[in-house]
PDB file of N, CA and C in Angstrom:
ATOM      1  N   MET A   1      36.637 -37.729   7.096  1.00  0.00           N
ATOM      2  CA  MET A   1      35.231 -38.062   6.882  1.00  0.00           C
ATOM      3  C   MET A   1      35.120 -39.533   6.499  1.00  0.00           C
ATOM      4  N   ALA A   2      34.205 -40.214   7.125  1.00  0.00           N
ATOM      5  CA  ALA A   2      34.015 -41.639   6.891  1.00  0.00           C
ATOM      6  C   ALA A   2      33.415 -41.887   5.511  1.00  0.00           C
ATOM      7  N   LYS A   3      33.826 -42.986   4.921  1.00  0.00           N
ATOM      8  CA  LYS A   3      33.282 -43.373   3.625  1.00  0.00           C
ATOM      9  C   LYS A   3      31.937 -44.063   3.856  1.00  0.00           C
ATOM     10  N   MET A   4      30.921 -43.575   3.177  1.00  0.00           N
ATOM     11  CA  MET A   4      29.571 -44.110   3.344  1.00  0.00           C
ATOM     12  C   MET A   4      29.103 -44.769   2.051  1.00  0.00           C
ATOM     13  N   ARG A   5      28.164 -45.685   2.215  1.00  0.00           N
ATOM     14  CA  ARG A   5      27.477 -46.309   1.087  1.00  0.00           C
ATOM     15  C   ARG A   5      25.985 -46.160   1.342  1.00  0.00           C
ATOM     16  N   TYR A   6      25.236 -46.274   0.288  1.00  0.00           N
ATOM     17  CA  TYR A   6      23.787 -46.108   0.372  1.00  0.00           C
ATOM     18  C   TYR A   6      23.120 -47.368  -0.150  1.00  0.00           C
ATOM     19  N   ILE A   7      22.149 -47.835   0.592  1.00  0.00           N
ATOM     20  CA  ILE A   7      21.386 -49.009   0.187  1.00  0.00           C
ATOM     21  C   ILE A   7      19.978 -48.534  -0.127  1.00  0.00           C
ATOM     22  N   LEU A   8      19.500 -48.907  -1.286  1.00  0.00           N
ATOM     23  CA  LEU A   8      18.153 -48.546  -1.712  1.00  0.00           C
ATOM     24  C   LEU A   8      17.214 -49.691  -1.363  1.00  0.00           C
ATOM     25  N   PHE A   9      16.199 -49.371  -0.575  1.00  0.00           N
ATOM     26  CA  PHE A   9      15.185 -50.344  -0.191  1.00  0.00           C
ATOM     27  C   PHE A   9      13.865 -49.974  -0.845  1.00  0.00           C
ATOM     28  N   GLN A  10      13.096 -50.996  -1.199  1.00  0.00           N
ATOM     29  CA  GLN A  10      11.771 -50.775  -1.773  1.00  0.00           C
ATOM     30  C   GLN A  10      10.752 -51.607  -1.012  1.00  0.00           C
ATOM     31  N   LEU A  11       9.646 -50.962  -0.672  1.00  0.00           N
ATOM     32  CA  LEU A  11       8.507 -51.639  -0.072  1.00  0.00           C
ATOM     33  C   LEU A  11       7.280 -51.135  -0.805  1.00  0.00           C
ATOM     34  N   GLY A  12       6.746 -51.965  -1.673  1.00  0.00           N
ATOM     35  CA  GLY A  12       5.631 -51.539  -2.514  1.00  0.00           C
ATOM     36  C   GLY A  12       6.085 -50.427  -3.432  1.00  0.00           C
ATOM     37  N   SER A  13       5.392 -49.297  -3.380  1.00  0.00           N
ATOM     38  CA  SER A  13       5.777 -48.159  -4.221  1.00  0.00           C
ATOM     39  C   SER A  13       6.662 -47.165  -3.464  1.00  0.00           C
ATOM     40  N   ASP A  14       7.019 -47.490  -2.229  1.00  0.00           N
ATOM     41  CA  ASP A  14       7.869 -46.608  -1.423  1.00  0.00           C
ATOM     42  C   ASP A  14       9.335 -47.014  -1.543  1.00  0.00           C
ATOM     43  N   TRP A  15      10.195 -45.998  -1.585  1.00  0.00           N
ATOM     44  CA  TRP A  15      11.635 -46.200  -1.679  1.00  0.00           C
ATOM     45  C   TRP A  15      12.292 -45.522  -0.486  1.00  0.00           C
ATOM     46  N   GLU A  16      13.381 -46.096  -0.029  1.00  0.00           N
ATOM     47  CA  GLU A  16      14.105 -45.507   1.091  1.00  0.00           C
ATOM     48  C   GLU A  16      15.601 -45.743   0.887  1.00  0.00           C
ATOM     49  N   PHE A  17      16.376 -44.691   1.077  1.00  0.00           N
ATOM     50  CA  PHE A  17      17.828 -44.797   1.024  1.00  0.00           C
ATOM     51  C   PHE A  17      18.348 -44.845   2.454  1.00  0.00           C
ATOM     52  N   VAL A  18      19.194 -45.812   2.739  1.00  0.00           N
ATOM     53  CA  VAL A  18      19.793 -45.922   4.064  1.00  0.00           C
ATOM     54  C   VAL A  18      21.288 -45.690   3.916  1.00  0.00           C
ATOM     55  N   GLU A  19      21.789 -44.726   4.686  1.00  0.00           N
ATOM     56  CA  GLU A  19      23.209 -44.391   4.656  1.00  0.00           C
ATOM     57  C   GLU A  19      23.932 -45.235   5.702  1.00  0.00           C
ATOM     58  N   MET A  20      24.903 -46.015   5.230  1.00  0.00           N
ATOM     59  CA  MET A  20      25.663 -46.898   6.116  1.00  0.00           C
ATOM     60  C   MET A  20      27.148 -46.648   5.933  1.00  0.00           C
ATOM     61  N   PRO A  21      27.925 -46.844   6.996  1.00  0.00           N
ATOM     62  CA  PRO A  21      29.378 -46.833   6.816  1.00  0.00           C
ATOM     63  C   PRO A  21      29.734 -47.913   5.794  1.00  0.00           C
ATOM     64  N   ALA A  22      30.664 -47.614   4.913  1.00  0.00           N
ATOM     65  CA  ALA A  22      30.991 -48.524   3.814  1.00  0.00           C
ATOM     66  C   ALA A  22      31.292 -49.937   4.298  1.00  0.00           C
ATOM     67  N   GLU A  23      31.982 -50.047   5.426  1.00  0.00           N
ATOM     68  CA  GLU A  23      32.362 -51.381   5.901  1.00  0.00           C
ATOM     69  C   GLU A  23      31.192 -52.187   6.464  1.00  0.00           C
ATOM     70  N   TYR A  24      30.027 -51.565   6.646  1.00  0.00           N
ATOM     71  CA  TYR A  24      28.862 -52.274   7.175  1.00  0.00           C
ATOM     72  C   TYR A  24      27.716 -52.397   6.172  1.00  0.00           C
ATOM     73  N   ALA A  25      27.813 -51.753   5.050  1.00  0.00           N
ATOM     74  CA  ALA A  25      26.717 -51.767   4.074  1.00  0.00           C
ATOM     75  C   ALA A  25      26.411 -53.179   3.594  1.00  0.00           C
ATOM     76  N   TYR A  26      27.451 -53.947   3.317  1.00  0.00           N
ATOM     77  CA  TYR A  26      27.228 -55.316   2.850  1.00  0.00           C
ATOM     78  C   TYR A  26      26.496 -56.132   3.911  1.00  0.00           C
ATOM     79  N   GLN A  27      26.831 -55.910   5.177  1.00  0.00           N
ATOM     80  CA  GLN A  27      26.177 -56.653   6.252  1.00  0.00           C
ATOM     81  C   GLN A  27      24.679 -56.370   6.285  1.00  0.00           C
ATOM     82  N   LEU A  28      24.297 -55.120   6.062  1.00  0.00           N
ATOM     83  CA  LEU A  28      22.876 -54.790   6.057  1.00  0.00           C
ATOM     84  C   LEU A  28      22.182 -55.426   4.859  1.00  0.00           C
ATOM     85  N   SER A  29      22.820 -55.394   3.703  1.00  0.00           N
ATOM     86  CA  SER A  29      22.235 -56.036   2.519  1.00  0.00           C
ATOM     87  C   SER A  29      22.073 -57.536   2.743  1.00  0.00           C
ATOM     88  N   ALA A  30      23.093 -58.166   3.313  1.00  0.00           N
ATOM     89  CA  ALA A  30      23.036 -59.607   3.576  1.00  0.00           C
ATOM     90  C   ALA A  30      21.974 -59.930   4.628  1.00  0.00           C
ATOM     91  N   LEU A  31      21.867 -59.090   5.652  1.00  0.00           N
ATOM     92  CA  LEU A  31      20.846 -59.288   6.675  1.00  0.00           C
ATOM     93  C   LEU A  31      19.455 -59.185   6.065  1.00  0.00           C
ATOM     94  N   ASN A  32      19.260 -58.228   5.178  1.00  0.00           N
ATOM     95  CA  ASN A  32      17.967 -58.069   4.518  1.00  0.00           C
ATOM     96  C   ASN A  32      17.610 -59.323   3.718  1.00  0.00           C
ATOM     97  N   LEU A  33      18.573 -59.864   2.996  1.00  0.00           N
ATOM     98  CA  LEU A  33      18.324 -61.092   2.228  1.00  0.00           C
ATOM     99  C   LEU A  33      17.972 -62.248   3.160  1.00  0.00           C
ATOM    100  N   ARG A  34      18.695 -62.372   4.253  1.00  0.00           N
ATOM    101  CA  ARG A  34      18.423 -63.450   5.213  1.00  0.00           C
ATOM    102  C   ARG A  34      17.038 -63.287   5.830  1.00  0.00           C
ATOM    103  N   LEU A  35      16.679 -62.083   6.217  1.00  0.00           N
ATOM    104  CA  LEU A  35      15.361 -61.863   6.808  1.00  0.00           C
ATOM    105  C   LEU A  35      14.253 -62.208   5.824  1.00  0.00           C
ATOM    106  N   HIS A  36      14.459 -61.863   4.558  1.00  0.00           N
ATOM    107  CA  HIS A  36      13.452 -62.212   3.545  1.00  0.00           C
ATOM    108  C   HIS A  36      13.335 -63.720   3.385  1.00  0.00           C
ATOM    109  N   LYS A  37      14.436 -64.399   3.497  1.00  0.00           N
ATOM    110  CA  LYS A  37      14.426 -65.858   3.376  1.00  0.00           C
ATOM    111  C   LYS A  37      13.661 -66.495   4.536  1.00  0.00           C
ATOM    112  N   GLU A  38      13.770 -65.911   5.714  1.00  0.00           N
ATOM    113  CA  GLU A  38      13.195 -66.497   6.918  1.00  0.00           C
ATOM    114  C   GLU A  38      11.807 -65.973   7.279  1.00  0.00           C
ATOM    115  N   ILE A  39      11.449 -64.796   6.819  1.00  0.00           N
ATOM    116  CA  ILE A  39      10.205 -64.160   7.272  1.00  0.00           C
ATOM    117  C   ILE A  39       8.962 -64.975   6.905  1.00  0.00           C
ATOM    118  N   SER A  40       9.029 -65.715   5.818  1.00  0.00           N
ATOM    119  CA  SER A  40       7.872 -66.523   5.421  1.00  0.00           C
ATOM    120  C   SER A  40       7.644 -67.696   6.378  1.00  0.00           C
ATOM    121  N   LYS A  41       8.634 -68.023   7.185  1.00  0.00           N
ATOM    122  CA  LYS A  41       8.511 -69.126   8.140  1.00  0.00           C
ATOM    123  C   LYS A  41       7.843 -68.699   9.446  1.00  0.00           C
ATOM    124  N   LEU A  42       7.680 -67.399   9.627  1.00  0.00           N
ATOM    125  CA  LEU A  42       7.065 -66.910  10.855  1.00  0.00           C
ATOM    126  C   LEU A  42       5.564 -67.177  10.827  1.00  0.00           C
ATOM    127  N   THR A  43       5.021 -67.561  11.967  1.00  0.00           N
ATOM    128  CA  THR A  43       3.597 -67.899  12.045  1.00  0.00           C
ATOM    129  C   THR A  43       2.782 -66.875  12.833  1.00  0.00           C
ATOM    130  N   ALA A  44       3.418 -65.860  13.349  1.00  0.00           N
ATOM    131  CA  ALA A  44       2.718 -64.838  14.133  1.00  0.00           C
ATOM    132  C   ALA A  44       1.700 -64.106  13.259  1.00  0.00           C
ATOM    133  N   GLU A  45       0.685 -63.549  13.921  1.00  0.00           N
ATOM    134  CA  GLU A  45      -0.345 -62.814  13.189  1.00  0.00           C
ATOM    135  C   GLU A  45       0.189 -61.519  12.603  1.00  0.00           C
ATOM    136  N   ARG A  46       1.021 -60.827  13.357  1.00  0.00           N
ATOM    137  CA  ARG A  46       1.528 -59.524  12.920  1.00  0.00           C
ATOM    138  C   ARG A  46       3.019 -59.606  12.624  1.00  0.00           C
ATOM    139  N   VAL A  47       3.324 -59.891  11.393  1.00  0.00           N
ATOM    140  CA  VAL A  47       4.718 -59.921  10.941  1.00  0.00           C
ATOM    141  C   VAL A  47       4.945 -58.640  10.140  1.00  0.00           C
ATOM    142  N   PRO A  48       5.983 -57.883  10.468  1.00  0.00           N
ATOM    143  CA  PRO A  48       6.204 -56.617   9.752  1.00  0.00           C
ATOM    144  C   PRO A  48       6.503 -56.840   8.276  1.00  0.00           C
ATOM    145  N   LYS A  49       6.083 -55.894   7.477  1.00  0.00           N
ATOM    146  CA  LYS A  49       6.434 -55.921   6.057  1.00  0.00           C
ATOM    147  C   LYS A  49       7.879 -55.466   5.955  1.00  0.00           C
ATOM    148  N   LEU A  50       8.655 -56.197   5.219  1.00  0.00           N
ATOM    149  CA  LEU A  50      10.086 -55.941   5.128  1.00  0.00           C
ATOM    150  C   LEU A  50      10.434 -55.445   3.732  1.00  0.00           C
ATOM    151  N   PRO A  51      11.076 -54.276   3.633  1.00  0.00           N
ATOM    152  CA  PRO A  51      11.469 -53.798   2.305  1.00  0.00           C
ATOM    153  C   PRO A  51      12.555 -54.688   1.708  1.00  0.00           C
ATOM    154  N   VAL A  52      12.688 -54.619   0.411  1.00  0.00           N
ATOM    155  CA  VAL A  52      13.692 -55.401  -0.311  1.00  0.00           C
ATOM    156  C   VAL A  52      14.872 -54.493  -0.635  1.00  0.00           C
ATOM    157  N   ALA A  53      16.077 -54.983  -0.367  1.00  0.00           N
ATOM    158  CA  ALA A  53      17.280 -54.241  -0.755  1.00  0.00           C
ATOM    159  C   ALA A  53      17.418 -54.365  -2.269  1.00  0.00           C
ATOM    160  N   ILE A  54      17.375 -53.239  -2.961  1.00  0.00           N
ATOM    161  CA  ILE A  54      17.400 -53.210  -4.417  1.00  0.00           C
ATOM    162  C   ILE A  54      18.803 -52.957  -4.955  1.00  0.00           C
ATOM    163  N   ALA A  55      19.533 -52.058  -4.308  1.00  0.00           N
ATOM    164  CA  ALA A  55      20.848 -51.673  -4.840  1.00  0.00           C
ATOM    165  C   ALA A  55      21.697 -51.036  -3.749  1.00  0.00           C
ATOM    166  N   GLU A  56      22.997 -51.035  -3.994  1.00  0.00           N
ATOM    167  CA  GLU A  56      23.956 -50.303  -3.158  1.00  0.00           C
ATOM    168  C   GLU A  56      24.720 -49.359  -4.064  1.00  0.00           C
ATOM    169  N   CYS A  57      25.063 -48.196  -3.531  1.00  0.00           N
ATOM    170  CA  CYS A  57      25.877 -47.260  -4.301  1.00  0.00           C
ATOM    171  C   CYS A  57      26.777 -46.471  -3.357  1.00  0.00           C
ATOM    172  N   GLU A  58      27.847 -45.918  -3.914  1.00  0.00           N
ATOM    173  CA  GLU A  58      28.796 -45.154  -3.104  1.00  0.00           C
ATOM    174  C   GLU A  58      28.405 -43.694  -2.975  1.00  0.00           C
ATOM    175  N   ARG A  59      27.753 -43.168  -3.985  1.00  0.00           N
ATOM    176  CA  ARG A  59      27.352 -41.755  -3.967  1.00  0.00           C
ATOM    177  C   ARG A  59      25.855 -41.666  -4.145  1.00  0.00           C
ATOM    178  N   LEU A  60      25.304 -40.621  -3.566  1.00  0.00           N
ATOM    179  CA  LEU A  60      23.871 -40.402  -3.679  1.00  0.00           C
ATOM    180  C   LEU A  60      23.630 -38.920  -3.884  1.00  0.00           C
ATOM    181  N   GLU A  61      23.058 -38.580  -4.999  1.00  0.00           N
ATOM    182  CA  GLU A  61      22.692 -37.197  -5.284  1.00  0.00           C
ATOM    183  C   GLU A  61      21.179 -37.153  -5.451  1.00  0.00           C
ATOM    184  N   LEU A  62      20.508 -36.647  -4.435  1.00  0.00           N
ATOM    185  CA  LEU A  62      19.052 -36.578  -4.459  1.00  0.00           C
ATOM    186  C   LEU A  62      18.613 -35.298  -5.147  1.00  0.00           C
ATOM    187  N   LEU A  63      17.625 -35.416  -5.989  1.00  0.00           N
ATOM    188  CA  LEU A  63      17.153 -34.279  -6.774  1.00  0.00           C
ATOM    189  C   LEU A  63      15.884 -33.655  -6.205  1.00  0.00           C
ATOM    190  N   GLN A  64      15.306 -34.284  -5.226  1.00  0.00           N
ATOM    191  CA  GLN A  64      14.110 -33.760  -4.576  1.00  0.00           C
ATOM    192  C   GLN A  64      14.463 -33.357  -3.147  1.00  0.00           C
ATOM    193  N   GLU A  65      14.117 -32.148  -2.758  1.00  0.00           N
ATOM    194  CA  GLU A  65      14.462 -31.653  -1.424  1.00  0.00           C
ATOM    195  C   GLU A  65      13.857 -32.495  -0.307  1.00  0.00           C
ATOM    196  N   GLU A  66      12.641 -32.993  -0.522  1.00  0.00           N
ATOM    197  CA  GLU A  66      11.987 -33.760   0.532  1.00  0.00           C
ATOM    198  C   GLU A  66      12.553 -35.169   0.677  1.00  0.00           C
ATOM    199  N   ALA A  67      13.288 -35.609  -0.312  1.00  0.00           N
ATOM    200  CA  ALA A  67      13.915 -36.929  -0.237  1.00  0.00           C
ATOM    201  C   ALA A  67      15.181 -36.829   0.606  1.00  0.00           C
ATOM    202  N   GLY A  68      15.514 -37.898   1.247  1.00  0.00           N
ATOM    203  CA  GLY A  68      16.731 -37.898   2.043  1.00  0.00           C
ATOM    204  C   GLY A  68      17.117 -39.315   2.402  1.00  0.00           C
ATOM    205  N   ALA A  69      18.309 -39.454   2.898  1.00  0.00           N
ATOM    206  CA  ALA A  69      18.789 -40.761   3.315  1.00  0.00           C
ATOM    207  C   ALA A  69      18.561 -40.922   4.814  1.00  0.00           C
ATOM    208  N   VAL A  70      18.191 -42.108   5.204  1.00  0.00           N
ATOM    209  CA  VAL A  70      17.984 -42.440   6.602  1.00  0.00           C
ATOM    210  C   VAL A  70      19.318 -42.894   7.185  1.00  0.00           C
ATOM    211  N   ASN A  71      19.609 -42.433   8.369  1.00  0.00           N
ATOM    212  CA  ASN A  71      20.796 -42.849   9.094  1.00  0.00           C
ATOM    213  C   ASN A  71      20.731 -44.362   9.351  1.00  0.00           C
ATOM    214  N   GLY A  72      21.845 -45.057   9.147  1.00  0.00           N
ATOM    215  CA  GLY A  72      21.882 -46.507   9.304  1.00  0.00           C
ATOM    216  C   GLY A  72      21.476 -46.985  10.686  1.00  0.00           C
ATOM    217  N   LEU A  73      21.898 -46.276  11.723  1.00  0.00           N
ATOM    218  CA  LEU A  73      21.533 -46.681  13.079  1.00  0.00           C
ATOM    219  C   LEU A  73      20.038 -46.497  13.305  1.00  0.00           C
ATOM    220  N   GLU A  74      19.488 -45.416  12.785  1.00  0.00           N
ATOM    221  CA  GLU A  74      18.042 -45.193  12.892  1.00  0.00           C
ATOM    222  C   GLU A  74      17.283 -46.336  12.221  1.00  0.00           C
ATOM    223  N   TYR A  75      17.746 -46.734  11.046  1.00  0.00           N
ATOM    224  CA  TYR A  75      17.106 -47.839  10.330  1.00  0.00           C
ATOM    225  C   TYR A  75      17.195 -49.128  11.151  1.00  0.00           C
ATOM    226  N   MET A  76      18.377 -49.413  11.711  1.00  0.00           N
ATOM    227  CA  MET A  76      18.559 -50.627  12.505  1.00  0.00           C
ATOM    228  C   MET A  76      17.675 -50.611  13.749  1.00  0.00           C
ATOM    229  N   ASN A  77      17.518 -49.450  14.370  1.00  0.00           N
ATOM    230  CA  ASN A  77      16.647 -49.343  15.544  1.00  0.00           C
ATOM    231  C   ASN A  77      15.196 -49.646  15.181  1.00  0.00           C
ATOM    232  N   ARG A  78      14.741 -49.123  14.054  1.00  0.00           N
ATOM    233  CA  ARG A  78      13.368 -49.408  13.593  1.00  0.00           C
ATOM    234  C   ARG A  78      13.192 -50.893  13.292  1.00  0.00           C
ATOM    235  N   LEU A  79      14.194 -51.480  12.640  1.00  0.00           N
ATOM    236  CA  LEU A  79      14.135 -52.898  12.283  1.00  0.00           C
ATOM    237  C   LEU A  79      14.068 -53.759  13.542  1.00  0.00           C
ATOM    238  N   GLU A  80      14.893 -53.430  14.523  1.00  0.00           N
ATOM    239  CA  GLU A  80      14.905 -54.192  15.778  1.00  0.00           C
ATOM    240  C   GLU A  80      13.565 -54.072  16.489  1.00  0.00           C
ATOM    241  N   GLN A  81      13.000 -52.874  16.537  1.00  0.00           N
ATOM    242  CA  GLN A  81      11.705 -52.678  17.191  1.00  0.00           C
ATOM    243  C   GLN A  81      10.610 -53.475  16.493  1.00  0.00           C
ATOM    244  N   ALA A  82      10.640 -53.483  15.173  1.00  0.00           N
ATOM    245  CA  ALA A  82       9.622 -54.207  14.408  1.00  0.00           C
ATOM    246  C   ALA A  82       9.684 -55.706  14.696  1.00  0.00           C
ATOM    247  N   PHE A  83      10.886 -56.260  14.735  1.00  0.00           N
ATOM    248  CA  PHE A  83      11.016 -57.698  14.958  1.00  0.00           C
ATOM    249  C   PHE A  83      10.867 -58.062  16.436  1.00  0.00           C
ATOM    250  N   ALA A  84      11.242 -57.182  17.338  1.00  0.00           N
ATOM    251  CA  ALA A  84      11.081 -57.459  18.770  1.00  0.00           C
ATOM    252  C   ALA A  84       9.608 -57.515  19.149  1.00  0.00           C
ATOM    253  N   GLY A  85       8.753 -56.852  18.387  1.00  0.00           N
ATOM    254  CA  GLY A  85       7.328 -56.834  18.678  1.00  0.00           C
ATOM    255  C   GLY A  85       6.556 -58.033  18.156  1.00  0.00           C
ATOM    256  N   ILE A  86       7.214 -58.922  17.442  1.00  0.00           N
ATOM    257  CA  ILE A  86       6.531 -60.096  16.887  1.00  0.00           C
ATOM    258  C   ILE A  86       6.268 -61.105  18.003  1.00  0.00           C
ATOM    259  N   GLN A  87       5.045 -61.584  18.077  1.00  0.00           N
ATOM    260  CA  GLN A  87       4.672 -62.613  19.056  1.00  0.00           C
ATOM    261  C   GLN A  87       4.706 -63.973  18.361  1.00  0.00           C
ATOM    262  N   GLU A  88       5.883 -64.529  18.234  1.00  0.00           N
ATOM    263  CA  GLU A  88       6.089 -65.791  17.513  1.00  0.00           C
ATOM    264  C   GLU A  88       6.169 -66.949  18.502  1.00  0.00           C
ATOM    265  N   GLU A  89       5.489 -68.044  18.187  1.00  0.00           N
ATOM    266  CA  GLU A  89       5.493 -69.208  19.072  1.00  0.00           C
ATOM    267  C   GLU A  89       6.193 -70.423  18.471  1.00  0.00           C
ATOM    268  N   HIS A  90       6.319 -70.490  17.153  1.00  0.00           N
ATOM    269  CA  HIS A  90       6.828 -71.712  16.537  1.00  0.00           C
ATOM    270  C   HIS A  90       8.198 -71.578  15.885  1.00  0.00           C
ATOM    271  N   TYR A  91       8.613 -70.398  15.566  1.00  0.00           N
ATOM    272  CA  TYR A  91       9.904 -70.195  14.894  1.00  0.00           C
ATOM    273  C   TYR A  91      10.881 -69.580  15.892  1.00  0.00           C
ATOM    274  N   PRO A  92      12.128 -70.012  15.876  1.00  0.00           N
ATOM    275  CA  PRO A  92      13.114 -69.429  16.807  1.00  0.00           C
ATOM    276  C   PRO A  92      13.487 -68.000  16.400  1.00  0.00           C
ATOM    277  N   LEU A  93      12.602 -67.080  16.709  1.00  0.00           N
ATOM    278  CA  LEU A  93      12.772 -65.675  16.342  1.00  0.00           C
ATOM    279  C   LEU A  93      14.032 -65.073  16.945  1.00  0.00           C
ATOM    280  N   ILE A  94      14.476 -65.614  18.063  1.00  0.00           N
ATOM    281  CA  ILE A  94      15.649 -65.065  18.740  1.00  0.00           C
ATOM    282  C   ILE A  94      16.877 -65.096  17.833  1.00  0.00           C
ATOM    283  N   ALA A  95      16.963 -66.055  16.941  1.00  0.00           N
ATOM    284  CA  ALA A  95      18.104 -66.120  16.019  1.00  0.00           C
ATOM    285  C   ALA A  95      18.121 -64.899  15.105  1.00  0.00           C
ATOM    286  N   LEU A  96      16.973 -64.513  14.588  1.00  0.00           N
ATOM    287  CA  LEU A  96      16.899 -63.332  13.727  1.00  0.00           C
ATOM    288  C   LEU A  96      17.152 -62.064  14.529  1.00  0.00           C
ATOM    289  N   LEU A  97      16.569 -61.991  15.715  1.00  0.00           N
ATOM    290  CA  LEU A  97      16.788 -60.819  16.565  1.00  0.00           C
ATOM    291  C   LEU A  97      18.258 -60.678  16.947  1.00  0.00           C
ATOM    292  N   THR A  98      18.928 -61.792  17.164  1.00  0.00           N
ATOM    293  CA  THR A  98      20.354 -61.748  17.506  1.00  0.00           C
ATOM    294  C   THR A  98      21.158 -61.151  16.365  1.00  0.00           C
ATOM    295  N   GLU A  99      20.848 -61.535  15.137  1.00  0.00           N
ATOM    296  CA  GLU A  99      21.552 -60.983  13.974  1.00  0.00           C
ATOM    297  C   GLU A  99      21.280 -59.484  13.831  1.00  0.00           C
ATOM    298  N   ILE A 100      20.035 -59.101  14.011  1.00  0.00           N
ATOM    299  CA  ILE A 100      19.675 -57.681  13.920  1.00  0.00           C
ATOM    300  C   ILE A 100      20.403 -56.893  15.004  1.00  0.00           C
ATOM    301  N   ARG A 101      20.353 -57.401  16.217  1.00  0.00           N
ATOM    302  CA  ARG A 101      20.964 -56.685  17.347  1.00  0.00           C
ATOM    303  C   ARG A 101      22.483 -56.633  17.250  1.00  0.00           C
ATOM    304  N   ALA A 102      23.088 -57.642  16.653  1.00  0.00           N
ATOM    305  CA  ALA A 102      24.544 -57.625  16.486  1.00  0.00           C
ATOM    306  C   ALA A 102      24.960 -56.480  15.566  1.00  0.00           C
ATOM    307  N   LEU A 103      24.274 -56.336  14.438  1.00  0.00           N
ATOM    308  CA  LEU A 103      24.598 -55.238  13.525  1.00  0.00           C
ATOM    309  C   LEU A 103      24.224 -53.898  14.158  1.00  0.00           C
ATOM    310  N   GLN A 104      23.139 -53.872  14.887  1.00  0.00           N
ATOM    311  CA  GLN A 104      22.727 -52.655  15.586  1.00  0.00           C
ATOM    312  C   GLN A 104      23.820 -52.220  16.572  1.00  0.00           C
ATOM    313  N   ALA A 105      24.375 -53.157  17.329  1.00  0.00           N
ATOM    314  CA  ALA A 105      25.435 -52.838  18.291  1.00  0.00           C
ATOM    315  C   ALA A 105      26.698 -52.353  17.582  1.00  0.00           C
ATOM    316  N   GLN A 106      27.027 -52.977  16.462  1.00  0.00           N
ATOM    317  CA  GLN A 106      28.189 -52.532  15.686  1.00  0.00           C
ATOM    318  C   GLN A 106      27.993 -51.100  15.203  1.00  0.00           C
ATOM    319  N   MET A 107      26.770 -50.798  14.772  1.00  0.00           N
ATOM    320  CA  MET A 107      26.482 -49.448  14.294  1.00  0.00           C
ATOM    321  C   MET A 107      26.573 -48.435  15.442  1.00  0.00           C
ATOM    322  N   GLU A 108      26.051 -48.795  16.602  1.00  0.00           N
ATOM    323  CA  GLU A 108      26.146 -47.903  17.763  1.00  0.00           C
ATOM    324  C   GLU A 108      27.604 -47.600  18.091  1.00  0.00           C
ATOM    325  N   GLN A 109      28.440 -48.640  18.106  1.00  0.00           N
ATOM    326  CA  GLN A 109      29.865 -48.447  18.390  1.00  0.00           C
ATOM    327  C   GLN A 109      30.521 -47.584  17.323  1.00  0.00           C
ATOM    328  N   TRP A 110      30.154 -47.807  16.076  1.00  0.00           N
ATOM    329  CA  TRP A 110      30.752 -47.044  14.985  1.00  0.00           C
ATOM    330  C   TRP A 110      30.416 -45.559  15.133  1.00  0.00           C
ATOM    331  N   TYR A 111      29.132 -45.248  15.382  1.00  0.00           N
ATOM    332  CA  TYR A 111      28.729 -43.847  15.517  1.00  0.00           C
ATOM    333  C   TYR A 111      29.360 -43.198  16.743  1.00  0.00           C
ATOM    334  N   GLU A 112      29.495 -43.949  17.832  1.00  0.00           N
ATOM    335  CA  GLU A 112      30.168 -43.413  19.018  1.00  0.00           C
ATOM    336  C   GLU A 112      31.629 -43.096  18.717  1.00  0.00           C
ATOM    337  N   ALA A 113      32.308 -44.007  18.029  1.00  0.00           N
ATOM    338  CA  ALA A 113      33.717 -43.786  17.677  1.00  0.00           C
ATOM    339  C   ALA A 113      33.860 -42.583  16.750  1.00  0.00           C
ATOM    340  N   GLU A 114      32.938 -42.439  15.806  1.00  0.00           N
ATOM    341  CA  GLU A 114      32.977 -41.295  14.891  1.00  0.00           C
ATOM    342  C   GLU A 114      32.763 -39.985  15.644  1.00  0.00           C
ATOM    343  N   ALA A 115      31.833 -40.000  16.590  1.00  0.00           N
ATOM    344  CA  ALA A 115      31.568 -38.796  17.379  1.00  0.00           C
ATOM    345  C   ALA A 115      32.790 -38.432  18.225  1.00  0.00           C
ATOM    346  N   GLU A 116      33.434 -39.430  18.816  1.00  0.00           N
ATOM    347  CA  GLU A 116      34.645 -39.178  19.603  1.00  0.00           C
ATOM    348  C   GLU A 116      35.759 -38.624  18.730  1.00  0.00           C
ATOM    349  N   ALA A 117      35.911 -39.207  17.551  1.00  0.00           N
ATOM    350  CA  ALA A 117      36.962 -38.753  16.633  1.00  0.00           C
ATOM    351  C   ALA A 117      36.715 -37.319  16.183  1.00  0.00           C
ATOM    352  N   ALA A 118      35.453 -36.948  16.081  1.00  0.00           N
ATOM    353  CA  ALA A 118      35.111 -35.591  15.655  1.00  0.00           C
ATOM    354  C   ALA A 118      35.101 -34.616  16.830  1.00  0.00           C
ATOM    355  N   GLY A 119      35.303 -35.137  18.044  1.00  0.00           N
ATOM    356  CA  GLY A 119      35.317 -34.275  19.215  1.00  0.00           C
ATOM    357  C   GLY A 119      33.947 -33.941  19.749  1.00  0.00           C
ATOM    358  N   ILE A 120      32.931 -34.693  19.342  1.00  0.00           N
ATOM    359  CA  ILE A 120      31.557 -34.475  19.804  1.00  0.00           C
ATOM    360  C   ILE A 120      31.309 -35.412  20.983  1.00  0.00           C
ATOM    361  N   GLN A 121      30.677 -34.887  22.012  1.00  0.00           N
ATOM    362  CA  GLN A 121      30.402 -35.749  23.170  1.00  0.00           C
ATOM    363  C   GLN A 121      28.950 -35.881  23.427  1.00  0.00           C
TER     364      GLN A 121
END
């Protein structure tokens, strides 16, 4: 079984746990910090609201049944869709999209390798 880490994101009063393979959790946290640093430079009318990475942990015990962790690849897919939809004219958005897509591709490969190792096709 792969070692996972959980990243806690906050957007306003909403919280979200994202489950990531341990070796990629830091990359997602770092990407979140970079996106926050750059998002204020975007001039498009519709810039997505970006949650803030609050914490990382190795174990997650949820006490509410309706609460759950989001799969890391699912989170990356949502993030990529949100940023791909921005109509930016003045900021080189492609640099941010490249970083998002690079981690997204790594996650896709990781999940494929895990599925193969588990014998799932």
